[in-house]
Amino acid sequence: MNNYFSTHKHISTVFQISAYLCLAFVFHYLFRLESYNLLQSDLPDHFSIINDFANSNNYIPHPVFHMTVYYLSLITGMHIADVTPIVLTCSVILTLFVAEKLLAEKSDPLILLTAISTIFVTAIYLPFFNMSVETFSPNKWHNPTMLFLKPIALPAFYFFVRSLDLADKKNRTYLITSSSLLLLSTATKPSFVIVFLPAAFLYVLLFRRGDYRQYPSLLLFAAPSVTMLAYQYFRTYQSTDTASYFHDKIIFTFFGVMKLYSPNIIISNLLLLAFPLAVLIVSRNRIARNPYLILAWMTTMVAFLQAAFLAEQQKFDQGAFGIGYVISLFLLYFFSVKESFSWFQQGNSGIPWKERSTVVVIYLLHLVSGIYYFSSLLRGRTFL
């Protein structure tokens, strides 16, 4: 019996290592296509930003990705177009690793495959409905700073929620970790912090309003990121004393950016949110016991409002405020997957088999759409 379990463990380890290596190879291939402009992406713009910074000290409000690529290029002697695929591959693999660890305490091939699925799902693709499935989806592959942000945002979100239900000492440890990650995410791309902090404070006011002892800690938790965010705002939108690609003006719009990429916003969002909505409906009697999913939904709602009503004037079509929606959708999908995965792990989850099966089928539609989208990129096609 011991030999059986030992052999099974070795097979599982070999499978996991092989899966990570294969995925790393595929991701590197995709990002190399983007780096050499063989596939449409935002990388040419970011290469220009890095070069402008190196040559004239242009201002970058959130420089972590750019400086990582720039200094690795200096250290290794490699061109930034060769360094970038490595950096982005590591980011996606790290996202997968974190997702796998947060899904379950003990990893196995099924956990890994489930984690892998979370980094591929997109809105459900309908060939007859002219919608760009990747524009507002949990996963998109053309935005490097967003890819760099995901493995920071996921644990920051998780540690924050975890801290709310722990004893004082552990609470402080988790809250400090989350605060540090949130600060790093702000320096990487402020898209996550501007949707997460409003949702987090709203969640505490609505669901933890009786625990007044937490309020000072939460203010200290948010202070570093809010300070950096304020600095970024004034340097980017109020000051023009330095040259920068990022100088712009924030304007109000009425679903203006969304209308550029979808013929019908309601249908598009139904195709986008089909799985999380199904999980929410099916687990309505359990949702109160899942703070991760509640906060993920609140973050998504805040992000949706920002994406719908805010935009940058000069870079309107880039949908700068839509990136927060993308990140929040990834979190929403991940914690919806974690919730639905628990239905099959528990002996009596209270969820009928028919409803569980329906949710799985809907999720598979998202996954097939995401794999189709990803494979089309590997074949050199532009966005769907």
Protein backbone atom coordinates (compact mmCIF):
# COMPACT_ATOMS: atom_id res chain seq x y z
CA MET A 1 0.00 0.00 0.00
CA ASN A 2 2.81 2.41 0.88
CA ASN A 3 4.50 1.65 -2.46
CA TYR A 4 1.22 2.44 -4.26
CA PHE A 5 0.89 5.87 -2.64
CA SER A 6 4.59 6.59 -3.19
CA THR A 7 4.30 5.72 -6.89
CA HIS A 8 1.11 7.77 -7.20
CA LYS A 9 2.86 10.77 -5.61
CA HIS A 10 5.83 10.49 -7.98
CA ILE A 11 3.52 10.28 -11.01
CA SER A 12 1.63 13.34 -9.77
CA THR A 13 4.87 15.28 -9.30
CA VAL A 14 6.13 14.36 -12.77
CA PHE A 15 2.78 15.41 -14.26
CA GLN A 16 2.87 18.77 -12.50
CA ILE A 17 6.46 19.53 -13.51
CA SER A 18 5.74 18.50 -17.11
CA ALA A 19 2.59 20.63 -17.23
CA TYR A 20 4.41 23.72 -15.93
CA LEU A 21 7.28 23.25 -18.40
CA CYS A 22 4.95 22.75 -21.37
CA LEU A 23 2.88 25.78 -20.47
CA ALA A 24 6.02 27.89 -19.96
CA PHE A 25 7.20 26.93 -23.45
CA VAL A 26 3.82 27.84 -25.01
CA PHE A 27 3.56 31.14 -23.13
CA HIS A 28 7.10 32.10 -24.07
CA TYR A 29 6.33 31.38 -27.72
CA LEU A 30 3.23 33.60 -27.59
CA PHE A 31 5.00 36.50 -25.88
CA ARG A 32 7.91 36.23 -28.29
CA LEU A 33 5.46 36.67 -31.18
CA GLU A 34 4.18 39.78 -29.45
CA SER A 35 7.66 41.10 -28.65
CA TYR A 36 8.70 40.96 -32.29
CA ASN A 37 5.43 42.50 -33.43
CA LEU A 38 4.30 39.33 -35.19
CA LEU A 39 1.08 39.51 -33.22
CA GLN A 40 -0.95 42.55 -32.18
CA SER A 41 -0.30 43.58 -28.58
CA ASP A 42 0.53 46.56 -26.36
CA LEU A 43 4.21 45.64 -26.17
CA PRO A 44 5.44 48.10 -28.84
CA ASP A 45 3.98 50.97 -26.78
CA HIS A 46 5.65 49.67 -23.63
CA PHE A 47 8.98 49.22 -25.40
CA SER A 48 8.76 52.87 -26.46
CA ILE A 49 8.02 53.86 -22.85
CA ILE A 50 11.08 51.93 -21.64
CA ASN A 51 13.31 53.43 -24.33
CA ASP A 52 12.03 56.96 -23.63
CA PHE A 53 12.76 56.48 -19.94
CA ALA A 54 16.26 55.17 -20.65
CA ASN A 55 17.09 57.99 -23.04
CA SER A 56 15.42 61.00 -21.45
CA ASN A 57 14.12 60.02 -18.00
CA ASN A 58 10.47 60.24 -19.03
CA TYR A 59 8.04 59.89 -16.14
CA ILE A 60 6.43 56.45 -15.58
CA PRO A 61 3.74 56.53 -12.85
CA HIS A 62 3.73 52.75 -12.28
CA PRO A 63 7.20 51.57 -13.31
CA VAL A 64 7.61 48.07 -11.80
CA PHE A 65 7.09 46.12 -15.04
CA HIS A 66 9.09 48.56 -17.14
CA MET A 67 11.98 48.75 -14.69
CA THR A 68 12.06 44.96 -14.30
CA VAL A 69 12.45 44.53 -18.06
CA TYR A 70 14.90 47.42 -18.36
CA TYR A 71 17.26 46.36 -15.58
CA LEU A 72 17.15 42.66 -16.51
CA SER A 73 18.11 43.73 -20.01
CA LEU A 74 21.07 45.70 -18.62
CA ILE A 75 22.17 42.84 -16.35
CA THR A 76 21.89 40.07 -18.95
CA GLY A 77 22.93 42.07 -22.00
CA MET A 78 19.80 40.84 -23.78
CA HIS A 79 17.54 43.05 -25.86
CA ILE A 80 14.31 44.09 -24.12
CA ALA A 81 12.38 42.17 -26.80
CA ASP A 82 14.11 38.99 -25.62
CA VAL A 83 13.80 39.73 -21.89
CA THR A 84 10.10 40.58 -21.99
CA PRO A 85 8.84 37.09 -23.01
CA ILE A 86 10.78 35.61 -20.09
CA VAL A 87 9.34 38.15 -17.62
CA LEU A 88 5.78 37.65 -18.85
CA THR A 89 6.12 33.86 -18.89
CA CYS A 90 7.30 33.94 -15.29
CA SER A 91 4.33 36.18 -14.40
CA VAL A 92 1.78 33.78 -15.87
CA ILE A 93 3.46 30.73 -14.33
CA LEU A 94 3.53 32.49 -10.95
CA THR A 95 -0.19 33.31 -11.33
CA LEU A 96 -0.86 29.63 -12.01
CA PHE A 97 1.26 28.54 -9.04
CA VAL A 98 -0.55 30.91 -6.66
CA ALA A 99 -3.95 29.82 -8.04
CA GLU A 100 -3.05 26.16 -7.52
CA LYS A 101 -1.94 26.74 -3.92
CA LEU A 102 -5.05 28.77 -3.05
CA LEU A 103 -7.45 26.24 -4.56
CA ALA A 104 -6.51 23.44 -2.16
CA GLU A 105 -3.95 22.71 0.53
CA LYS A 106 -2.69 19.57 -1.22
CA SER A 107 -2.03 19.67 -4.94
CA ASP A 108 -2.84 16.88 -7.35
CA PRO A 109 -3.36 16.69 -11.14
CA LEU A 110 -7.05 17.63 -10.86
CA ILE A 111 -6.25 20.71 -8.75
CA LEU A 112 -3.58 21.73 -11.23
CA LEU A 113 -5.89 21.28 -14.22
CA THR A 114 -8.55 23.33 -12.46
CA ALA A 115 -6.02 26.08 -11.72
CA ILE A 116 -4.85 26.00 -15.34
CA SER A 117 -8.43 26.46 -16.51
CA THR A 118 -8.74 29.69 -14.51
CA ILE A 119 -6.00 31.39 -16.53
CA PHE A 120 -7.67 30.55 -19.87
CA VAL A 121 -11.39 31.24 -19.42
CA THR A 122 -12.93 34.16 -21.30
CA ALA A 123 -16.39 35.41 -22.12
CA ILE A 124 -18.44 32.82 -24.02
CA TYR A 125 -17.66 33.24 -27.71
CA LEU A 126 -20.54 33.24 -30.20
CA PRO A 127 -19.41 33.42 -33.87
CA PHE A 128 -22.60 35.27 -34.90
CA PHE A 129 -22.27 37.90 -32.14
CA ASN A 130 -19.65 40.48 -33.01
CA MET A 131 -18.06 40.88 -29.59
CA SER A 132 -14.37 41.03 -28.72
CA VAL A 133 -14.27 38.22 -26.14
CA GLU A 134 -10.94 39.30 -24.71
CA THR A 135 -11.57 43.02 -24.20
CA PHE A 136 -13.43 42.62 -20.89
CA SER A 137 -12.65 39.06 -19.89
CA PRO A 138 -10.94 37.36 -16.95
CA ASN A 139 -7.92 36.65 -19.13
CA LYS A 140 -6.33 38.65 -21.91
CA TRP A 141 -2.90 38.17 -23.37
CA HIS A 142 -1.94 41.41 -25.09
CA ASN A 143 -1.53 43.68 -22.02
CA PRO A 144 1.85 43.05 -20.30
CA THR A 145 1.32 45.21 -17.20
CA MET A 146 -1.99 43.49 -16.51
CA LEU A 147 -0.32 40.07 -16.80
CA PHE A 148 2.41 41.27 -14.44
CA LEU A 149 -0.23 42.51 -11.99
CA LYS A 150 -2.30 39.32 -11.67
CA PRO A 151 0.08 37.24 -9.47
CA ILE A 152 0.29 40.23 -7.11
CA ALA A 153 -3.43 41.02 -6.96
CA LEU A 154 -4.61 37.46 -6.27
CA PRO A 155 -2.63 36.88 -3.03
CA ALA A 156 -3.21 40.51 -1.92
CA PHE A 157 -6.95 39.91 -2.15
CA TYR A 158 -6.72 36.51 -0.46
CA PHE A 159 -4.55 37.66 2.46
CA PHE A 160 -6.83 40.65 3.12
CA VAL A 161 -9.95 38.49 3.46
CA ARG A 162 -8.00 35.90 5.46
CA SER A 163 -6.90 38.57 7.92
CA LEU A 164 -10.47 39.49 8.83
CA ASP A 165 -11.17 36.17 10.57
CA LEU A 166 -7.86 35.53 12.33
CA ALA A 167 -6.58 36.23 15.83
CA ASP A 168 -4.70 39.49 16.42
CA LYS A 169 -1.16 38.24 15.78
CA LYS A 170 -2.00 36.32 12.62
CA ASN A 171 -4.35 39.11 11.58
CA ARG A 172 -1.48 41.61 11.63
CA THR A 173 0.80 39.29 9.67
CA TYR A 174 -1.76 38.71 6.92
CA LEU A 175 -2.82 42.36 6.85
CA ILE A 176 0.78 43.60 6.57
CA THR A 177 1.44 41.07 3.80
CA SER A 178 -1.67 42.15 1.94
CA SER A 179 -0.83 45.84 2.40
CA SER A 180 2.69 45.28 1.04
CA LEU A 181 1.36 43.39 -1.98
CA LEU A 182 -1.27 46.07 -2.55
CA LEU A 183 1.46 48.72 -2.54
CA LEU A 184 3.46 46.67 -5.04
CA SER A 185 0.36 46.30 -7.21
CA THR A 186 -0.13 50.09 -7.14
CA ALA A 187 3.44 50.60 -8.32
CA THR A 188 2.85 47.99 -11.03
CA LYS A 189 -0.53 49.22 -12.26
CA PRO A 190 -3.11 51.08 -10.14
CA SER A 191 -6.02 49.31 -11.86
CA PHE A 192 -6.45 46.82 -9.02
CA VAL A 193 -6.16 49.14 -6.04
CA ILE A 194 -8.74 51.63 -7.38
CA VAL A 195 -11.42 48.93 -7.56
CA PHE A 196 -10.37 46.82 -4.58
CA LEU A 197 -10.07 49.47 -1.85
CA PRO A 198 -13.58 50.96 -2.35
CA ALA A 199 -15.03 47.44 -2.37
CA ALA A 200 -13.00 46.39 0.69
CA PHE A 201 -14.14 49.36 2.78
CA LEU A 202 -17.72 48.89 1.63
CA TYR A 203 -17.51 45.20 2.57
CA VAL A 204 -16.21 46.01 6.06
CA LEU A 205 -18.92 48.64 6.60
CA LEU A 206 -21.70 46.29 5.48
CA PHE A 207 -20.56 42.96 6.85
CA ARG A 208 -18.09 43.77 9.66
CA ARG A 209 -19.53 47.00 10.99
CA GLY A 210 -19.70 45.71 14.57
CA ASP A 211 -15.96 45.14 14.88
CA TYR A 212 -14.73 48.70 15.39
CA ARG A 213 -11.29 47.47 16.46
CA GLN A 214 -10.50 46.67 12.84
CA TYR A 215 -11.02 50.19 11.51
CA PRO A 216 -7.66 51.71 12.55
CA SER A 217 -5.85 48.66 11.18
CA LEU A 218 -7.70 48.98 7.88
CA LEU A 219 -6.77 52.64 7.58
CA LEU A 220 -3.11 51.75 8.13
CA PHE A 221 -3.52 48.86 5.65
CA ALA A 222 -4.69 51.24 2.92
CA ALA A 223 -2.47 54.24 3.72
CA PRO A 224 0.69 53.28 1.74
CA SER A 225 -1.25 52.48 -1.44
CA VAL A 226 -3.50 55.52 -1.14
CA THR A 227 -0.45 57.75 -0.70
CA MET A 228 1.23 56.32 -3.79
CA LEU A 229 -2.06 56.50 -5.71
CA ALA A 230 -2.43 60.19 -4.85
CA TYR A 231 1.14 60.84 -6.00
CA GLN A 232 0.49 58.99 -9.27
CA TYR A 233 -2.73 60.92 -9.85
CA PHE A 234 -1.21 64.38 -9.39
CA ARG A 235 1.94 63.58 -11.39
CA THR A 236 -0.06 61.99 -14.23
CA TYR A 237 -3.21 64.08 -14.52
CA GLN A 238 -2.41 67.40 -12.82
CA SER A 239 1.27 68.00 -13.54
CA THR A 240 2.95 68.44 -16.91
CA ASP A 241 6.43 69.34 -15.67
CA THR A 242 7.87 66.12 -17.14
CA ALA A 243 7.33 64.40 -20.48
CA SER A 244 5.32 61.20 -20.26
CA TYR A 245 3.22 58.89 -22.42
CA PHE A 246 0.81 58.69 -19.48
CA HIS A 247 -0.19 62.36 -19.18
CA ASP A 248 -3.90 62.59 -19.92
CA LYS A 249 -7.24 63.71 -18.54
CA ILE A 250 -9.92 61.62 -16.84
CA ILE A 251 -13.39 62.14 -18.33
CA PHE A 252 -16.86 60.80 -17.71
CA THR A 253 -18.55 58.70 -20.36
CA PHE A 254 -21.71 56.63 -20.61
CA PHE A 255 -20.54 53.12 -21.50
CA GLY A 256 -18.45 54.81 -24.19
CA VAL A 257 -15.48 52.41 -24.13
CA MET A 258 -17.69 49.32 -23.82
CA LYS A 259 -19.71 50.41 -26.86
CA LEU A 260 -16.52 50.40 -28.94
CA TYR A 261 -16.10 46.65 -28.41
CA SER A 262 -19.64 45.31 -28.11
CA PRO A 263 -22.85 45.70 -30.17
CA ASN A 264 -24.94 45.03 -27.05
CA ILE A 265 -23.56 45.66 -23.57
CA ILE A 266 -26.23 43.64 -21.75
CA ILE A 267 -25.73 40.52 -23.87
CA SER A 268 -21.96 40.90 -23.73
CA ASN A 269 -21.96 41.03 -19.94
CA LEU A 270 -24.28 38.04 -19.72
CA LEU A 271 -21.86 36.09 -21.90
CA LEU A 272 -19.06 37.36 -19.70
CA LEU A 273 -20.67 36.68 -16.31
CA ALA A 274 -22.61 33.49 -17.11
CA PHE A 275 -20.50 31.23 -14.88
CA PRO A 276 -20.14 33.51 -11.83
CA LEU A 277 -23.87 34.28 -12.00
CA ALA A 278 -24.68 30.57 -12.17
CA VAL A 279 -22.50 29.91 -9.11
CA LEU A 280 -24.12 32.83 -7.28
CA ILE A 281 -27.64 31.56 -8.00
CA VAL A 282 -26.88 27.94 -7.18
CA SER A 283 -24.99 28.74 -3.96
CA ARG A 284 -27.35 31.49 -2.78
CA ASN A 285 -27.89 29.67 0.52
CA ARG A 286 -24.14 29.33 1.09
CA ILE A 287 -22.90 32.69 -0.13
CA ALA A 288 -23.04 34.33 3.32
CA ARG A 289 -20.33 31.89 4.47
CA ASN A 290 -17.99 32.81 1.62
CA PRO A 291 -16.44 36.27 2.22
CA TYR A 292 -14.01 35.78 -0.70
CA LEU A 293 -16.86 35.47 -3.18
CA ILE A 294 -18.85 38.31 -1.63
CA LEU A 295 -15.88 40.69 -1.82
CA ALA A 296 -15.02 39.47 -5.34
CA TRP A 297 -18.54 40.37 -6.48
CA MET A 298 -18.35 43.76 -4.78
CA THR A 299 -14.98 44.44 -6.39
CA THR A 300 -16.40 43.46 -9.77
CA MET A 301 -19.37 45.79 -9.36
CA VAL A 302 -17.11 48.72 -8.45
CA ALA A 303 -14.87 47.86 -11.41
CA PHE A 304 -17.85 47.64 -13.78
CA LEU A 305 -19.02 51.12 -12.78
CA GLN A 306 -15.55 52.56 -13.33
CA ALA A 307 -15.22 50.85 -16.72
CA ALA A 308 -18.67 52.10 -17.73
CA PHE A 309 -18.38 55.72 -16.68
CA LEU A 310 -14.68 56.67 -16.61
CA ALA A 311 -12.10 56.94 -19.39
CA GLU A 312 -8.96 58.80 -20.41
CA GLN A 313 -9.58 61.51 -22.95
CA GLN A 314 -6.59 61.05 -25.28
CA LYS A 315 -6.30 57.27 -24.92
CA PHE A 316 -10.05 56.72 -24.87
CA ASP A 317 -10.10 53.52 -26.92
CA GLN A 318 -7.48 51.86 -24.70
CA GLY A 319 -9.99 51.57 -21.88
CA ALA A 320 -7.59 52.32 -19.03
CA PHE A 321 -10.36 51.94 -16.45
CA GLY A 322 -11.38 48.64 -17.99
CA ILE A 323 -8.25 46.91 -16.71
CA GLY A 324 -9.65 47.00 -13.18
CA TYR A 325 -12.71 45.19 -14.51
CA VAL A 326 -10.48 42.53 -16.07
CA ILE A 327 -8.57 41.96 -12.83
CA SER A 328 -11.77 41.84 -10.77
CA LEU A 329 -13.27 39.34 -13.22
CA PHE A 330 -10.23 37.10 -12.81
CA LEU A 331 -10.71 37.19 -9.03
CA LEU A 332 -14.44 36.60 -9.39
CA TYR A 333 -13.90 33.59 -11.65
CA PHE A 334 -11.20 32.18 -9.40
CA PHE A 335 -13.25 32.33 -6.21
CA SER A 336 -16.35 31.13 -8.08
CA VAL A 337 -14.31 28.13 -9.23
CA LYS A 338 -13.09 27.59 -5.67
CA GLU A 339 -16.67 27.68 -4.40
CA SER A 340 -18.01 25.29 -7.04
CA PHE A 341 -15.01 22.98 -6.58
CA SER A 342 -15.94 22.66 -2.90
CA TRP A 343 -19.36 21.26 -3.88
CA PHE A 344 -17.69 18.11 -5.20
CA GLN A 345 -15.28 17.80 -2.26
CA GLN A 346 -17.95 17.89 0.43
CA GLY A 347 -20.05 14.84 1.13
CA ASN A 348 -23.24 16.90 1.53
CA SER A 349 -22.86 20.31 -0.05
CA GLY A 350 -26.60 20.88 -0.33
CA ILE A 351 -26.26 21.53 -4.06
CA PRO A 352 -28.29 19.11 -6.25
CA TRP A 353 -26.34 17.18 -8.86
CA LYS A 354 -28.37 18.70 -11.72
CA GLU A 355 -27.47 22.24 -10.67
CA ARG A 356 -23.81 21.35 -10.18
CA SER A 357 -23.71 19.79 -13.66
CA THR A 358 -25.28 22.88 -15.21
CA VAL A 359 -22.65 25.12 -13.63
CA VAL A 360 -19.86 22.85 -14.89
CA VAL A 361 -21.27 22.92 -18.44
CA ILE A 362 -21.44 26.73 -18.39
CA TYR A 363 -17.86 26.89 -17.12
CA LEU A 364 -16.72 24.57 -19.91
CA LEU A 365 -18.26 26.96 -22.46
CA HIS A 366 -16.10 29.75 -21.02
CA LEU A 367 -13.06 27.49 -21.04
CA VAL A 368 -13.54 26.27 -24.62
CA SER A 369 -13.96 29.91 -25.71
CA GLY A 370 -10.75 30.85 -23.91
CA ILE A 371 -8.77 27.98 -25.41
CA TYR A 372 -10.07 28.83 -28.87
CA TYR A 373 -9.09 32.46 -28.38
CA PHE A 374 -5.62 31.50 -27.10
CA SER A 375 -5.04 29.02 -29.93
CA SER A 376 -6.04 31.65 -32.47
CA LEU A 377 -3.34 33.92 -31.05
CA LEU A 378 -0.76 31.15 -31.38
CA ARG A 379 -1.73 30.87 -35.05
CA GLY A 380 -0.97 34.57 -35.48
CA ARG A 381 -4.52 35.86 -35.62
CA THR A 382 -5.47 39.19 -34.08
CA PHE A 383 -8.05 39.56 -31.31
CA LEU A 384 -11.39 37.82 -31.80
